[in-house]
Protein backbone atom coordinates (compact mmCIF):
# COMPACT_ATOMS: atom_id res chain seq x y z
CA MET A 1 14.21 -22.68 -36.18
CA ALA A 2 12.09 -20.13 -38.04
CA PHE A 3 8.95 -21.43 -36.28
CA ALA A 4 10.68 -21.22 -32.89
CA ALA A 5 11.82 -17.68 -33.61
CA PHE A 6 8.30 -16.69 -34.68
CA LYS A 7 6.87 -18.27 -31.56
CA THR A 8 9.29 -16.39 -29.33
CA LEU A 9 8.54 -13.12 -31.13
CA ALA A 10 4.81 -13.65 -30.83
CA LEU A 11 5.10 -14.40 -27.14
CA THR A 12 7.24 -11.31 -26.69
CA LEU A 13 4.70 -9.10 -28.50
CA ILE A 14 1.86 -10.53 -26.44
CA PHE A 15 3.77 -9.99 -23.21
CA TRP A 16 4.63 -6.37 -23.88
CA SER A 17 1.14 -5.63 -25.21
CA VAL A 18 -0.45 -7.00 -22.05
CA LEU A 19 2.07 -5.12 -19.92
CA GLY A 20 1.37 -1.92 -21.76
CA LEU A 21 -2.39 -2.36 -21.36
CA VAL A 22 -2.00 -2.97 -17.64
CA PHE A 23 0.15 0.14 -17.30
CA LEU A 24 -2.39 2.16 -19.28
CA LEU A 25 -5.26 0.99 -17.09
CA TRP A 26 -3.21 1.61 -13.95
CA THR A 27 -2.27 5.19 -14.89
CA MET A 28 -5.59 6.21 -16.44
CA PRO A 29 -7.25 7.18 -13.11
CA PHE A 30 -4.28 9.43 -12.25
CA LEU A 31 -4.38 11.11 -15.68
CA LEU A 32 -8.14 11.65 -15.42
CA GLY A 33 -7.72 13.04 -11.90
CA PHE A 34 -4.98 15.38 -13.07
CA ALA A 35 -7.24 16.64 -15.90
CA ALA A 36 -10.16 17.06 -13.49
CA VAL A 37 -8.07 19.14 -11.07
CA TYR A 38 -6.83 21.34 -13.94
CA ARG A 39 -10.28 21.89 -15.42
CA SER A 40 -12.03 22.53 -12.09
CA GLY A 41 -9.32 24.79 -10.68
CA ARG A 42 -10.68 28.31 -10.02
CA GLY A 43 -7.38 30.15 -10.19
CA ASP A 44 -4.49 30.05 -12.60
CA LEU A 45 -2.66 26.84 -11.87
CA TRP A 46 0.78 28.23 -12.88
CA ALA A 47 2.58 25.13 -11.55
CA MET A 48 0.69 22.96 -14.01
CA ARG A 49 1.06 25.42 -16.87
CA LEU A 50 4.82 24.94 -16.68
CA PHE A 51 4.47 21.37 -17.84
CA ARG A 52 2.86 22.50 -21.09
CA ARG A 53 6.13 24.00 -22.27
CA LEU A 54 8.67 21.98 -24.23
CA ILE A 55 11.52 23.31 -22.10
CA VAL A 56 10.24 21.19 -19.25
CA LEU A 57 11.22 18.08 -21.14
CA VAL A 58 14.89 18.96 -20.67
CA PRO A 59 15.06 18.54 -16.83
CA ILE A 60 12.71 15.57 -17.00
CA GLY A 61 14.94 13.92 -19.64
CA ILE A 62 18.02 14.63 -17.54
CA LEU A 63 16.42 13.00 -14.53
CA VAL A 64 15.33 9.90 -16.56
CA ILE A 65 18.71 9.50 -18.21
CA GLY A 66 20.58 10.13 -14.94
CA GLY A 67 18.40 7.54 -13.17
CA ALA A 68 18.98 4.99 -15.91
CA VAL A 69 22.76 5.53 -15.73
CA TYR A 70 22.71 5.12 -11.94
CA LEU A 71 20.65 1.98 -12.09
CA ARG A 72 23.08 0.63 -14.69
CA THR A 73 25.83 0.68 -12.04
CA VAL A 74 23.72 -1.12 -9.47
CA PRO A 75 24.24 -4.93 -9.55
CA SER A 76 21.05 -6.87 -10.35
CA TYR A 77 20.02 -10.24 -9.09
CA ASP A 78 20.12 -12.71 -11.94
CA GLY A 79 20.39 -15.95 -10.06
CA PRO A 80 18.19 -18.94 -10.98
CA TRP A 81 14.71 -19.23 -9.56
CA GLU A 82 14.59 -21.87 -6.81
CA GLN A 83 11.61 -24.06 -5.98
CA GLU A 84 10.66 -24.07 -2.30
CA VAL A 85 10.12 -27.50 -0.71
CA THR A 86 9.12 -27.92 2.94
CA VAL A 87 10.36 -31.08 4.66
CA THR A 88 8.23 -31.70 7.80
CA GLN A 89 9.09 -34.38 10.30
CA LYS A 90 5.66 -34.99 11.89
CA LEU A 91 4.04 -36.68 14.85
CA ASP A 92 0.30 -36.72 14.17
CA ALA A 93 -2.68 -37.06 16.43
CA GLU A 94 -2.79 -40.81 15.97
CA ASN A 95 0.81 -41.03 17.34
CA MET A 96 2.16 -41.91 13.88
CA THR A 97 5.45 -40.42 12.73
CA ALA A 98 6.36 -39.57 9.13
CA VAL A 99 8.35 -37.24 6.89
CA GLU A 100 6.25 -35.08 4.59
CA PHE A 101 7.45 -33.26 1.46
CA SER A 102 5.26 -30.44 0.19
CA SER A 103 5.65 -27.74 -2.44
CA PHE A 104 3.63 -25.51 -4.78
CA GLY A 105 5.25 -27.36 -7.71
CA TYR A 106 5.97 -30.94 -8.54
CA LEU A 107 8.36 -32.98 -6.34
CA LYS A 108 10.75 -33.93 -9.08
CA GLY A 109 14.47 -34.58 -8.97
CA ILE A 110 14.70 -34.70 -5.20
CA LYS A 111 17.02 -37.05 -3.34
CA ALA A 112 16.90 -37.22 0.44
CA THR A 113 18.51 -39.24 3.23
CA VAL A 114 16.59 -39.49 6.48
CA TYR A 115 17.59 -41.84 9.30
CA GLY A 116 19.97 -43.59 6.84
CA ARG A 117 17.07 -44.25 4.47
CA GLU A 118 17.54 -42.95 0.91
CA ILE A 119 14.47 -41.45 -0.65
CA THR A 120 14.08 -40.42 -4.34
CA LEU A 121 11.14 -38.30 -5.43
CA ASP A 122 10.49 -37.96 -9.16
CA GLU A 123 6.70 -37.67 -9.37
CA HIS A 124 4.19 -35.14 -10.67
CA VAL A 125 2.69 -34.60 -7.19
CA PRO A 126 3.04 -31.63 -4.80
CA PHE A 127 2.81 -33.71 -1.61
CA LYS A 128 4.43 -36.96 -0.46
CA ARG A 129 4.17 -38.64 2.98
CA ILE A 130 6.68 -41.36 3.97
CA GLU A 131 6.08 -43.05 7.31
CA MET A 132 9.13 -43.81 9.42
CA PRO A 133 9.94 -44.00 13.17
CA LEU A 134 10.97 -40.71 14.75
CA GLU A 135 11.68 -39.77 18.39
CA MET A 136 9.92 -36.47 18.84
CA ASN A 137 7.48 -36.70 21.77
CA TRP A 138 8.38 -33.14 22.92
CA MET A 139 5.00 -32.02 24.22
CA ARG A 140 3.15 -32.66 27.46
CA GLU A 141 -0.33 -31.41 28.33
CA GLU A 142 -2.15 -31.20 31.63
CA LEU A 143 -5.88 -30.38 31.90
CA LEU A 144 -7.74 -28.81 34.86
CA SER A 145 -11.48 -28.13 34.55
CA THR A 146 -13.64 -26.72 37.30
CA PRO A 147 -17.45 -26.14 37.11
CA LEU A 148 -18.20 -22.59 38.23
CA GLU A 149 -21.93 -22.07 37.72
CA GLU A 150 -24.80 -24.17 36.45
CA LYS A 151 -28.10 -23.07 34.96
CA VAL A 152 -31.10 -24.98 33.58
CA ALA A 153 -29.73 -25.46 30.09
CA GLU A 154 -26.01 -24.65 30.34
CA ILE A 155 -23.01 -24.68 32.62
CA LEU A 156 -20.02 -22.37 33.10
CA VAL A 157 -16.70 -24.28 33.22
CA HIS A 158 -13.23 -22.95 33.99
CA LEU A 159 -10.69 -24.59 31.66
CA LYS A 160 -6.97 -24.53 32.39
CA LEU A 161 -4.65 -26.31 29.97
CA ARG A 162 -0.91 -26.42 30.66
CA LEU A 163 1.35 -27.09 27.67
CA ASP A 164 5.04 -27.92 28.30
CA PHE A 165 7.60 -28.44 25.55
CA GLU A 166 11.06 -30.06 25.69
CA ARG A 167 12.12 -27.95 22.68
CA ALA A 168 11.19 -24.34 22.09
CA PRO A 169 8.27 -24.19 19.65
CA PHE A 170 8.15 -21.72 16.77
CA THR A 171 4.33 -21.52 16.61
CA VAL A 172 1.51 -23.16 18.56
CA ASN A 173 -2.15 -23.39 17.61
CA LEU A 174 -4.90 -24.45 20.04
CA ARG A 175 -8.38 -25.09 18.70
CA LEU A 176 -11.39 -25.86 20.89
CA LYS A 177 -14.23 -27.72 19.15
CA SER A 178 -17.63 -28.69 20.44
CA ASP A 179 -20.61 -30.50 18.98
CA ARG A 180 -22.82 -27.65 20.28
CA PRO A 181 -22.46 -23.87 20.04
CA PHE A 182 -20.75 -22.32 23.06
CA SER A 183 -19.54 -18.95 24.27
CA VAL A 184 -16.36 -17.72 25.98
CA ASP A 185 -17.03 -15.65 29.07
CA ARG A 186 -13.39 -14.78 29.94
CA ALA A 187 -9.87 -15.69 28.83
CA ASN A 188 -6.31 -14.81 29.67
CA VAL A 189 -5.24 -15.10 26.00
CA LYS A 190 -6.44 -13.65 22.73
CA TYR A 191 -8.78 -15.92 20.80
CA GLN A 192 -11.07 -16.10 17.78
CA HIS A 193 -14.52 -17.53 18.37
CA LYS A 194 -17.18 -18.67 15.97
CA LYS A 195 -20.22 -20.74 17.09
CA ASN A 196 -18.75 -24.06 18.19
CA ARG A 197 -15.05 -23.25 17.70
CA ALA A 198 -12.47 -21.12 19.37
CA THR A 199 -8.86 -20.72 18.14
CA ILE A 200 -5.81 -19.49 20.05
CA ARG A 201 -2.54 -18.83 18.21
CA TRP A 202 0.99 -18.22 19.56
CA ALA A 203 3.68 -17.15 17.12
CA HIS A 204 7.37 -16.20 17.07
CA CYS A 205 8.74 -18.57 19.74
CA PRO A 206 6.13 -18.07 22.52
CA GLY A 207 8.09 -20.06 25.14
CA GLN A 208 8.29 -23.65 26.42
CA SER A 209 5.41 -23.36 28.87
CA LEU A 210 1.96 -22.07 27.95
CA VAL A 211 -1.03 -21.96 30.35
CA PRO A 212 -4.23 -20.75 28.58
CA GLU A 213 -7.29 -20.31 30.82
CA LEU A 214 -10.85 -19.84 29.62
CA ASP A 215 -14.30 -19.65 31.22
CA VAL A 216 -16.70 -21.31 28.76
CA TRP A 217 -20.49 -21.48 28.75
CA LEU A 218 -21.50 -24.90 27.37
CA PRO A 219 -24.93 -26.45 26.88
CA ASN A 220 -25.61 -29.37 29.19
CA GLY A 221 -24.68 -32.63 27.54
CA ALA A 222 -22.13 -31.01 25.11
CA ASN A 223 -18.69 -32.36 24.25
CA LEU A 224 -15.57 -30.17 24.11
CA ASP A 225 -12.31 -31.27 22.50
CA ALA A 226 -8.98 -29.58 21.89
CA GLU A 227 -6.62 -29.89 18.92
CA ILE A 228 -3.06 -28.80 19.53
CA ALA A 229 -0.49 -28.21 16.74
CA ALA A 230 3.04 -27.10 17.53
CA THR A 231 5.70 -26.29 14.90
CA PHE A 232 9.43 -26.39 15.67
CA LEU A 233 12.48 -25.06 13.88
CA GLU A 234 14.53 -27.94 15.36
CA VAL A 235 14.11 -31.40 13.87
CA PRO A 236 14.65 -34.77 15.54
CA VAL A 237 16.74 -36.15 12.65
CA LEU A 238 18.93 -34.18 10.27
CA ALA A 239 17.55 -34.75 6.76
CA SER A 240 20.01 -34.39 3.88
CA CYS A 241 18.08 -33.22 0.79
CA LYS A 242 19.40 -32.39 -2.63
CA GLY A 243 17.76 -31.11 -5.81
CA LYS A 244 18.66 -28.78 -8.68
CA TYR A 245 17.40 -25.24 -8.11
CA ILE A 246 15.42 -26.37 -4.99
CA HIS A 247 15.51 -24.66 -1.59
CA PHE A 248 14.60 -26.93 1.31
CA ILE A 249 12.90 -25.77 4.54
CA ASN A 250 13.11 -28.19 7.47
CA ARG A 251 10.40 -28.20 10.12
CA ALA A 252 9.03 -30.45 12.83
CA GLU A 253 5.35 -30.64 13.80
CA ILE A 254 3.47 -32.30 16.63
CA LYS A 255 -0.32 -32.64 16.67
CA ARG A 256 -2.38 -33.82 19.59
CA LYS A 257 -6.06 -34.29 20.39
CA VAL A 258 -7.26 -33.84 23.97
CA LYS A 259 -10.71 -34.58 25.44
CA LEU A 260 -11.56 -31.57 27.55
CA LEU A 261 -15.13 -32.32 28.59
CA GLY A 262 -17.39 -35.28 28.02
CA ARG A 263 -21.04 -35.49 28.75
CA ILE A 264 -21.78 -32.91 31.39
C-alpha cells in the first residue's frame, strides 16, 4: 500500500510538473512580447502602469473567484471514456463479402451477432476480418470512352463514368490509375492529380447517381484503371454488438475495380 501510494504521488508530481513546464513555455512568448512593448513604448503607457499597483489585484481576484464559483455550478461531464470500434460490412473488389472490426485500441471483450452468427473478440489486435455472405450489391457502373484527338505519342480521350446506387451513399471516392503519367485536360468535377493518378471525392451524401466526365491525355499504349469506393450509413444486416465502455459505429462499404482503357 505504501509503495502504491508513493507511486501515485510520484506520478502526480511528474504530471503537474510537466503541465507547469508546458504552461510556462506556452506563456513565455506572450510575457516577453508584453515586456518588449512596454520597454519600446515611446510614450507613457498609463494603461500598463495600472497593473503595477497592488490595488489591481482586487478586481482580478474578484473575477477569478467569481469565475470559479460560476464554473462550480456548471455540471461537468464525468462519464466513462468509451472506446470507438467501427463495424464495416464490406464488399471488396474481388466480390468477397466480410465484416471488419477496427479500432485504435485492442478488440477485447466484444460480443457480436451478425446474420445469426455469434462472434466473440478477445484479442490484442486492432483489426479483425470475418468473411460471411452479405447481400449488398448496391452499385452499378457504366463506362463510355470516346477518342477525341490523337498525336504522335499520345491521345486525348473523353471518359464518362456513370455510377448508380440502390442506397444513398455517404461518401464516394473515385481514383484513376495508369501505368504511365497522364494529364487531365478538362473535367466536370473537382479532382486531385499527381503524375499517374487522379482522385475525385464526393462527401456528405452526394446523391444516388454520379456522372463524372474527364478529358485525359494518355501516352499511346498506356493502361487506365478506376478504383471506386463507396461508404454507406445503411447496412445490409443489422449487427448486434456489445462491449463494456465501447461505442460501435456501423458502416457498409463497396469497392470496385473498373478497366477504363486497355492498350490504345
